[in-house]
Amino acid sequence: NVKDVDCGFKVFKKAILDKIGPLKTASAITETELV
């Protein structure tokens, strides 16, 4: 339940990427996948 999932202003820890691994999508849904 994110108000604006595709807002182009995000800050986060790189540890997140280290745990979840590479994202699989490459489209307008990619930010939804990240969150």
ModelCIF file with pLDDT and N, C-alpha, C, O atoms, coordinates in Angstrom:
data_MODEL
#
_entry.id   MODEL 
#
_entity.id                         1 
_entity.type                       polymer 
_entity.pdbx_number_of_molecules   1 
#
_entity_poly.entity_id                      1 
_entity_poly.type                           'polypeptide(L)' 
_entity_poly.nstd_linkage                   no 
_entity_poly.nstd_monomer                   no 
_entity_poly.pdbx_seq_one_letter_code       NVKDVDCGFKVFKKAILDKIGPLKTASAITETELV 
_entity_poly.pdbx_seq_one_letter_code_can   NVKDVDCGFKVFKKAILDKIGPLKTASAITETELV 
_entity_poly.pdbx_strand_id                 A 
#
loop_
_entity_poly_seq.entity_id 
_entity_poly_seq.num 
_entity_poly_seq.mon_id 
_entity_poly_seq.hetero 
1 1  ASN n 
1 2  VAL n 
1 3  LYS n 
1 4  ASP n 
1 5  VAL n 
1 6  ASP n 
1 7  CYS n 
1 8  GLY n 
1 9  PHE n 
1 10 LYS n 
1 11 VAL n 
1 12 PHE n 
1 13 LYS n 
1 14 LYS n 
1 15 ALA n 
1 16 ILE n 
1 17 LEU n 
1 18 ASP n 
1 19 LYS n 
1 20 ILE n 
1 21 GLY n 
1 22 PRO n 
1 23 LEU n 
1 24 LYS n 
1 25 THR n 
1 26 ALA n 
1 27 SER n 
1 28 ALA n 
1 29 ILE n 
1 30 THR n 
1 31 GLU n 
1 32 THR n 
1 33 GLU n 
1 34 LEU n 
1 35 VAL n 
#
_struct_asym.id          A 
_struct_asym.entity_id   1 
#
loop_
_ma_qa_metric.id 
_ma_qa_metric.mode 
_ma_qa_metric.name 
_ma_qa_metric.software_group_id 
_ma_qa_metric.type 
1 global pLDDT . pLDDT 
2 local  pLDDT . pLDDT 
#
_ma_qa_metric_global.metric_id      1 
_ma_qa_metric_global.metric_value   93.34 
_ma_qa_metric_global.model_id       1 
_ma_qa_metric_global.ordinal_id     1 
#
loop_
_ma_qa_metric_local.label_asym_id 
_ma_qa_metric_local.label_comp_id 
_ma_qa_metric_local.label_seq_id 
_ma_qa_metric_local.metric_id 
_ma_qa_metric_local.metric_value 
_ma_qa_metric_local.model_id 
_ma_qa_metric_local.ordinal_id 
A ASN 1  2 92.00 1 1  
A VAL 2  2 92.00 1 2  
A LYS 3  2 92.00 1 3  
A ASP 4  2 93.00 1 4  
A VAL 5  2 92.00 1 5  
A ASP 6  2 89.00 1 6  
A CYS 7  2 92.00 1 7  
A GLY 8  2 91.00 1 8  
A PHE 9  2 95.00 1 9  
A LYS 10 2 97.00 1 10 
A VAL 11 2 97.00 1 11 
A PHE 12 2 98.00 1 12 
A LYS 13 2 98.00 1 13 
A LYS 14 2 97.00 1 14 
A ALA 15 2 97.00 1 15 
A ILE 16 2 98.00 1 16 
A LEU 17 2 96.00 1 17 
A ASP 18 2 95.00 1 18 
A LYS 19 2 96.00 1 19 
A ILE 20 2 95.00 1 20 
A GLY 21 2 90.00 1 21 
A PRO 22 2 89.00 1 22 
A LEU 23 2 92.00 1 23 
A LYS 24 2 91.00 1 24 
A THR 25 2 92.00 1 25 
A ALA 26 2 90.00 1 26 
A SER 27 2 87.00 1 27 
A ALA 28 2 85.00 1 28 
A ILE 29 2 91.00 1 29 
A THR 30 2 93.00 1 30 
A GLU 31 2 94.00 1 31 
A THR 32 2 94.00 1 32 
A GLU 33 2 95.00 1 33 
A LEU 34 2 96.00 1 34 
A VAL 35 2 96.00 1 35 
#
loop_
_atom_site.group_PDB 
_atom_site.id 
_atom_site.type_symbol 
_atom_site.label_atom_id 
_atom_site.label_alt_id 
_atom_site.label_comp_id 
_atom_site.label_asym_id 
_atom_site.label_entity_id 
_atom_site.label_seq_id 
_atom_site.pdbx_PDB_ins_code 
_atom_site.Cartn_x 
_atom_site.Cartn_y 
_atom_site.Cartn_z 
_atom_site.occupancy 
_atom_site.B_iso_or_equiv 
_atom_site.pdbx_formal_charge 
_atom_site.auth_seq_id 
_atom_site.auth_comp_id 
_atom_site.auth_asym_id 
_atom_site.auth_atom_id 
_atom_site.pdbx_PDB_model_num 
ATOM 1   N N  . ASN A 1 1  ? 0.858  -1.184  0.000   1.00 92.00 ? 1  ASN A N  1 
ATOM 2   C CA . ASN A 1 1  ? 0.000  0.000   0.000   1.00 92.00 ? 1  ASN A CA 1 
ATOM 3   C C  . ASN A 1 1  ? 0.894  1.235   0.000   1.00 92.00 ? 1  ASN A C  1 
ATOM 4   O O  . ASN A 1 1  ? 1.067  1.897   1.023   1.00 92.00 ? 1  ASN A O  1 
ATOM 5   N N  . VAL A 1 2  ? 1.457  1.528   -1.165  1.00 92.00 ? 2  VAL A N  1 
ATOM 6   C CA . VAL A 1 2  ? 2.380  2.645   -1.328  1.00 92.00 ? 2  VAL A CA 1 
ATOM 7   C C  . VAL A 1 2  ? 1.678  3.744   -2.117  1.00 92.00 ? 2  VAL A C  1 
ATOM 8   O O  . VAL A 1 2  ? 1.122  3.479   -3.183  1.00 92.00 ? 2  VAL A O  1 
ATOM 9   N N  . LYS A 1 3  ? 1.698  4.967   -1.609  1.00 92.00 ? 3  LYS A N  1 
ATOM 10  C CA . LYS A 1 3  ? 0.954  6.067   -2.216  1.00 92.00 ? 3  LYS A CA 1 
ATOM 11  C C  . LYS A 1 3  ? 1.388  6.353   -3.652  1.00 92.00 ? 3  LYS A C  1 
ATOM 12  O O  . LYS A 1 3  ? 0.555  6.640   -4.512  1.00 92.00 ? 3  LYS A O  1 
ATOM 13  N N  . ASP A 1 4  ? 2.692  6.276   -3.907  1.00 93.00 ? 4  ASP A N  1 
ATOM 14  C CA . ASP A 1 4  ? 3.221  6.733   -5.205  1.00 93.00 ? 4  ASP A CA 1 
ATOM 15  C C  . ASP A 1 4  ? 4.441  5.889   -5.560  1.00 93.00 ? 4  ASP A C  1 
ATOM 16  O O  . ASP A 1 4  ? 5.575  6.366   -5.519  1.00 93.00 ? 4  ASP A O  1 
ATOM 17  N N  . VAL A 1 5  ? 4.191  4.630   -5.909  1.00 92.00 ? 5  VAL A N  1 
ATOM 18  C CA . VAL A 1 5  ? 5.284  3.673   -6.062  1.00 92.00 ? 5  VAL A CA 1 
ATOM 19  C C  . VAL A 1 5  ? 6.261  4.066   -7.166  1.00 92.00 ? 5  VAL A C  1 
ATOM 20  O O  . VAL A 1 5  ? 7.440  3.721   -7.095  1.00 92.00 ? 5  VAL A O  1 
ATOM 21  N N  . ASP A 1 6  ? 5.788  4.782   -8.183  1.00 89.00 ? 6  ASP A N  1 
ATOM 22  C CA . ASP A 1 6  ? 6.682  5.145   -9.289  1.00 89.00 ? 6  ASP A CA 1 
ATOM 23  C C  . ASP A 1 6  ? 7.267  6.546   -9.155  1.00 89.00 ? 6  ASP A C  1 
ATOM 24  O O  . ASP A 1 6  ? 7.777  7.104   -10.127 1.00 89.00 ? 6  ASP A O  1 
ATOM 25  N N  . CYS A 1 7  ? 7.193  7.114   -7.954  1.00 92.00 ? 7  CYS A N  1 
ATOM 26  C CA . CYS A 1 7  ? 7.837  8.406   -7.722  1.00 92.00 ? 7  CYS A CA 1 
ATOM 27  C C  . CYS A 1 7  ? 9.349  8.258   -7.885  1.00 92.00 ? 7  CYS A C  1 
ATOM 28  O O  . CYS A 1 7  ? 9.962  7.374   -7.286  1.00 92.00 ? 7  CYS A O  1 
ATOM 29  N N  . GLY A 1 8  ? 9.938  9.124   -8.695  1.00 91.00 ? 8  GLY A N  1 
ATOM 30  C CA . GLY A 1 8  ? 11.359 9.010   -8.992  1.00 91.00 ? 8  GLY A CA 1 
ATOM 31  C C  . GLY A 1 8  ? 12.260 9.661   -7.969  1.00 91.00 ? 8  GLY A C  1 
ATOM 32  O O  . GLY A 1 8  ? 13.236 10.318  -8.331  1.00 91.00 ? 8  GLY A O  1 
ATOM 33  N N  . PHE A 1 9  ? 11.948 9.488   -6.694  1.00 95.00 ? 9  PHE A N  1 
ATOM 34  C CA . PHE A 1 9  ? 12.833 9.980   -5.631  1.00 95.00 ? 9  PHE A CA 1 
ATOM 35  C C  . PHE A 1 9  ? 12.790 8.969   -4.501  1.00 95.00 ? 9  PHE A C  1 
ATOM 36  O O  . PHE A 1 9  ? 11.838 8.931   -3.722  1.00 95.00 ? 9  PHE A O  1 
ATOM 37  N N  . LYS A 1 10 ? 13.828 8.151   -4.420  1.00 97.00 ? 10 LYS A N  1 
ATOM 38  C CA . LYS A 1 10 ? 13.923 7.112   -3.403  1.00 97.00 ? 10 LYS A CA 1 
ATOM 39  C C  . LYS A 1 10 ? 15.347 7.068   -2.854  1.00 97.00 ? 10 LYS A C  1 
ATOM 40  O O  . LYS A 1 10 ? 16.313 7.302   -3.580  1.00 97.00 ? 10 LYS A O  1 
ATOM 41  N N  . VAL A 1 11 ? 15.460 6.763   -1.557  1.00 97.00 ? 11 VAL A N  1 
ATOM 42  C CA . VAL A 1 11 ? 16.759 6.587   -0.917  1.00 97.00 ? 11 VAL A CA 1 
ATOM 43  C C  . VAL A 1 11 ? 16.685 5.304   -0.097  1.00 97.00 ? 11 VAL A C  1 
ATOM 44  O O  . VAL A 1 11 ? 15.728 5.096   0.649   1.00 97.00 ? 11 VAL A O  1 
ATOM 45  N N  . PHE A 1 12 ? 17.686 4.451   -0.232  1.00 98.00 ? 12 PHE A N  1 
ATOM 46  C CA . PHE A 1 12 ? 17.643 3.189   0.499   1.00 98.00 ? 12 PHE A CA 1 
ATOM 47  C C  . PHE A 1 12 ? 19.030 2.595   0.674   1.00 98.00 ? 12 PHE A C  1 
ATOM 48  O O  . PHE A 1 12 ? 20.003 3.037   0.063   1.00 98.00 ? 12 PHE A O  1 
ATOM 49  N N  . LYS A 1 13 ? 19.089 1.585   1.524   1.00 98.00 ? 13 LYS A N  1 
ATOM 50  C CA . LYS A 1 13 ? 20.354 0.921   1.814   1.00 98.00 ? 13 LYS A CA 1 
ATOM 51  C C  . LYS A 1 13 ? 20.683 -0.101  0.727   1.00 98.00 ? 13 LYS A C  1 
ATOM 52  O O  . LYS A 1 13 ? 19.809 -0.838  0.272   1.00 98.00 ? 13 LYS A O  1 
ATOM 53  N N  . LYS A 1 14 ? 21.943 -0.137  0.318   1.00 97.00 ? 14 LYS A N  1 
ATOM 54  C CA . LYS A 1 14 ? 22.361 -1.102  -0.696  1.00 97.00 ? 14 LYS A CA 1 
ATOM 55  C C  . LYS A 1 14 ? 22.196 -2.538  -0.202  1.00 97.00 ? 14 LYS A C  1 
ATOM 56  O O  . LYS A 1 14 ? 22.119 -3.467  -1.006  1.00 97.00 ? 14 LYS A O  1 
ATOM 57  N N  . ALA A 1 15 ? 22.142 -2.722  1.118   1.00 97.00 ? 15 ALA A N  1 
ATOM 58  C CA . ALA A 1 15 ? 21.931 -4.048  1.698   1.00 97.00 ? 15 ALA A CA 1 
ATOM 59  C C  . ALA A 1 15 ? 20.643 -4.682  1.189   1.00 97.00 ? 15 ALA A C  1 
ATOM 60  O O  . ALA A 1 15 ? 20.525 -5.906  1.148   1.00 97.00 ? 15 ALA A O  1 
ATOM 61  N N  . ILE A 1 16 ? 19.681 -3.856  0.802   1.00 98.00 ? 16 ILE A N  1 
ATOM 62  C CA . ILE A 1 16 ? 18.434 -4.368  0.240   1.00 98.00 ? 16 ILE A CA 1 
ATOM 63  C C  . ILE A 1 16 ? 18.714 -5.115  -1.051  1.00 98.00 ? 16 ILE A C  1 
ATOM 64  O O  . ILE A 1 16 ? 18.247 -6.239  -1.237  1.00 98.00 ? 16 ILE A O  1 
ATOM 65  N N  . LEU A 1 17 ? 19.478 -4.492  -1.947  1.00 96.00 ? 17 LEU A N  1 
ATOM 66  C CA . LEU A 1 17 ? 19.795 -5.132  -3.227  1.00 96.00 ? 17 LEU A CA 1 
ATOM 67  C C  . LEU A 1 17 ? 20.630 -6.383  -3.023  1.00 96.00 ? 17 LEU A C  1 
ATOM 68  O O  . LEU A 1 17 ? 20.463 -7.377  -3.730  1.00 96.00 ? 17 LEU A O  1 
ATOM 69  N N  . ASP A 1 18 ? 21.536 -6.323  -2.043  1.00 95.00 ? 18 ASP A N  1 
ATOM 70  C CA . ASP A 1 18 ? 22.380 -7.486  -1.776  1.00 95.00 ? 18 ASP A CA 1 
ATOM 71  C C  . ASP A 1 18 ? 21.544 -8.688  -1.343  1.00 95.00 ? 18 ASP A C  1 
ATOM 72  O O  . ASP A 1 18 ? 21.917 -9.834  -1.597  1.00 95.00 ? 18 ASP A O  1 
ATOM 73  N N  . LYS A 1 19 ? 20.409 -8.422  -0.685  1.00 96.00 ? 19 LYS A N  1 
ATOM 74  C CA . LYS A 1 19 ? 19.570 -9.509  -0.208  1.00 96.00 ? 19 LYS A CA 1 
ATOM 75  C C  . LYS A 1 19 ? 18.561 -9.976  -1.248  1.00 96.00 ? 19 LYS A C  1 
ATOM 76  O O  . LYS A 1 19 ? 18.370 -11.180 -1.421  1.00 96.00 ? 19 LYS A O  1 
ATOM 77  N N  . ILE A 1 20 ? 17.911 -9.043  -1.945  1.00 95.00 ? 20 ILE A N  1 
ATOM 78  C CA . ILE A 1 20 ? 16.846 -9.446  -2.863  1.00 95.00 ? 20 ILE A CA 1 
ATOM 79  C C  . ILE A 1 20 ? 17.377 -9.861  -4.228  1.00 95.00 ? 20 ILE A C  1 
ATOM 80  O O  . ILE A 1 20 ? 16.656 -10.482 -5.008  1.00 95.00 ? 20 ILE A O  1 
ATOM 81  N N  . GLY A 1 21 ? 18.633 -9.524  -4.528  1.00 90.00 ? 21 GLY A N  1 
ATOM 82  C CA . GLY A 1 21 ? 19.218 -9.919  -5.804  1.00 90.00 ? 21 GLY A CA 1 
ATOM 83  C C  . GLY A 1 21 ? 18.764 -9.029  -6.952  1.00 90.00 ? 21 GLY A C  1 
ATOM 84  O O  . GLY A 1 21 ? 18.009 -8.080  -6.740  1.00 90.00 ? 21 GLY A O  1 
ATOM 85  N N  . PRO A 1 22 ? 19.216 -9.327  -8.163  1.00 89.00 ? 22 PRO A N  1 
ATOM 86  C CA . PRO A 1 22 ? 18.881 -8.500  -9.331  1.00 89.00 ? 22 PRO A CA 1 
ATOM 87  C C  . PRO A 1 22 ? 17.375 -8.492  -9.598  1.00 89.00 ? 22 PRO A C  1 
ATOM 88  O O  . PRO A 1 22 ? 16.705 -9.515  -9.458  1.00 89.00 ? 22 PRO A O  1 
ATOM 89  N N  . LEU A 1 23 ? 16.860 -7.339  -9.979  1.00 92.00 ? 23 LEU A N  1 
ATOM 90  C CA . LEU A 1 23 ? 15.456 -7.245  -10.359 1.00 92.00 ? 23 LEU A CA 1 
ATOM 91  C C  . LEU A 1 23 ? 15.239 -7.955  -11.689 1.00 92.00 ? 23 LEU A C  1 
ATOM 92  O O  . LEU A 1 23 ? 16.130 -7.992  -12.537 1.00 92.00 ? 23 LEU A O  1 
ATOM 93  N N  . LYS A 1 24 ? 14.052 -8.514  -11.862 1.00 91.00 ? 24 LYS A N  1 
ATOM 94  C CA . LYS A 1 24 ? 13.775 -9.306  -13.056 1.00 91.00 ? 24 LYS A CA 1 
ATOM 95  C C  . LYS A 1 24 ? 13.032 -8.535  -14.135 1.00 91.00 ? 24 LYS A C  1 
ATOM 96  O O  . LYS A 1 24 ? 13.094 -8.901  -15.309 1.00 91.00 ? 24 LYS A O  1 
ATOM 97  N N  . THR A 1 25 ? 12.330 -7.473  -13.755 1.00 92.00 ? 25 THR A N  1 
ATOM 98  C CA . THR A 1 25 ? 11.561 -6.708  -14.735 1.00 92.00 ? 25 THR A CA 1 
ATOM 99  C C  . THR A 1 25 ? 12.378 -5.544  -15.272 1.00 92.00 ? 25 THR A C  1 
ATOM 100 O O  . THR A 1 25 ? 13.402 -5.165  -14.703 1.00 92.00 ? 25 THR A O  1 
ATOM 101 N N  . ALA A 1 26 ? 11.902 -4.983  -16.386 1.00 90.00 ? 26 ALA A N  1 
ATOM 102 C CA . ALA A 1 26 ? 12.583 -3.828  -16.990 1.00 90.00 ? 26 ALA A CA 1 
ATOM 103 C C  . ALA A 1 26 ? 11.538 -2.970  -17.692 1.00 90.00 ? 26 ALA A C  1 
ATOM 104 O O  . ALA A 1 26 ? 11.602 -2.756  -18.903 1.00 90.00 ? 26 ALA A O  1 
ATOM 105 N N  . SER A 1 27 ? 10.575 -2.481  -16.913 1.00 87.00 ? 27 SER A N  1 
ATOM 106 C CA . SER A 1 27 ? 9.473  -1.709  -17.482 1.00 87.00 ? 27 SER A CA 1 
ATOM 107 C C  . SER A 1 27 ? 8.928  -0.770  -16.417 1.00 87.00 ? 27 SER A C  1 
ATOM 108 O O  . SER A 1 27 ? 9.585  -0.526  -15.405 1.00 87.00 ? 27 SER A O  1 
ATOM 109 N N  . ALA A 1 28 ? 7.726  -0.242  -16.642 1.00 85.00 ? 28 ALA A N  1 
ATOM 110 C CA . ALA A 1 28 ? 7.106  0.651   -15.672 1.00 85.00 ? 28 ALA A CA 1 
ATOM 111 C C  . ALA A 1 28 ? 6.751  -0.064  -14.372 1.00 85.00 ? 28 ALA A C  1 
ATOM 112 O O  . ALA A 1 28 ? 6.419  0.589   -13.383 1.00 85.00 ? 28 ALA A O  1 
ATOM 113 N N  . ILE A 1 29 ? 6.815  -1.387  -14.359 1.00 91.00 ? 29 ILE A N  1 
ATOM 114 C CA . ILE A 1 29 ? 6.502  -2.164  -13.163 1.00 91.00 ? 29 ILE A CA 1 
ATOM 115 C C  . ILE A 1 29 ? 7.743  -2.414  -12.309 1.00 91.00 ? 29 ILE A C  1 
ATOM 116 O O  . ILE A 1 29 ? 7.640  -2.999  -11.230 1.00 91.00 ? 29 ILE A O  1 
ATOM 117 N N  . THR A 1 30 ? 8.908  -1.982  -12.773 1.00 93.00 ? 30 THR A N  1 
ATOM 118 C CA . THR A 1 30 ? 10.166 -2.284  -12.083 1.00 93.00 ? 30 THR A CA 1 
ATOM 119 C C  . THR A 1 30 ? 10.213 -1.692  -10.677 1.00 93.00 ? 30 THR A C  1 
ATOM 120 O O  . THR A 1 30 ? 10.698 -2.339  -9.748  1.00 93.00 ? 30 THR A O  1 
ATOM 121 N N  . GLU A 1 31 ? 9.716  -0.477  -10.516 1.00 94.00 ? 31 GLU A N  1 
ATOM 122 C CA . GLU A 1 31 ? 9.724  0.121   -9.176  1.00 94.00 ? 31 GLU A CA 1 
ATOM 123 C C  . GLU A 1 31 ? 8.778  -0.626  -8.240  1.00 94.00 ? 31 GLU A C  1 
ATOM 124 O O  . GLU A 1 31 ? 9.048  -0.739  -7.044  1.00 94.00 ? 31 GLU A O  1 
ATOM 125 N N  . THR A 1 32 ? 7.674  -1.136  -8.778  1.00 94.00 ? 32 THR A N  1 
ATOM 126 C CA . THR A 1 32 ? 6.771  -1.968  -7.984  1.00 94.00 ? 32 THR A CA 1 
ATOM 127 C C  . THR A 1 32 ? 7.493  -3.232  -7.530  1.00 94.00 ? 32 THR A C  1 
ATOM 128 O O  . THR A 1 32 ? 7.344  -3.663  -6.386  1.00 94.00 ? 32 THR A O  1 
ATOM 129 N N  . GLU A 1 33 ? 8.275  -3.822  -8.432  1.00 95.00 ? 33 GLU A N  1 
ATOM 130 C CA . GLU A 1 33 ? 9.038  -5.014  -8.059  1.00 95.00 ? 33 GLU A CA 1 
ATOM 131 C C  . GLU A 1 33 ? 10.039 -4.706  -6.953  1.00 95.00 ? 33 GLU A C  1 
ATOM 132 O O  . GLU A 1 33 ? 10.168 -5.473  -6.000  1.00 95.00 ? 33 GLU A O  1 
ATOM 133 N N  . LEU A 1 34 ? 10.748 -3.585  -7.076  1.00 96.00 ? 34 LEU A N  1 
ATOM 134 C CA . LEU A 1 34 ? 11.737 -3.206  -6.070  1.00 96.00 ? 34 LEU A CA 1 
ATOM 135 C C  . LEU A 1 34 ? 11.094 -3.069  -4.693  1.00 96.00 ? 34 LEU A C  1 
ATOM 136 O O  . LEU A 1 34 ? 11.606 -3.600  -3.707  1.00 96.00 ? 34 LEU A O  1 
ATOM 137 N N  . VAL A 1 35 ? 9.972  -2.355  -4.630  1.00 96.00 ? 35 VAL A N  1 
ATOM 138 C CA . VAL A 1 35 ? 9.315  -2.133  -3.347  1.00 96.00 ? 35 VAL A CA 1 
ATOM 139 C C  . VAL A 1 35 ? 8.719  -3.432  -2.808  1.00 96.00 ? 35 VAL A C  1 
ATOM 140 O O  . VAL A 1 35 ? 8.123  -3.438  -1.731  1.00 96.00 ? 35 VAL A O  1 
#
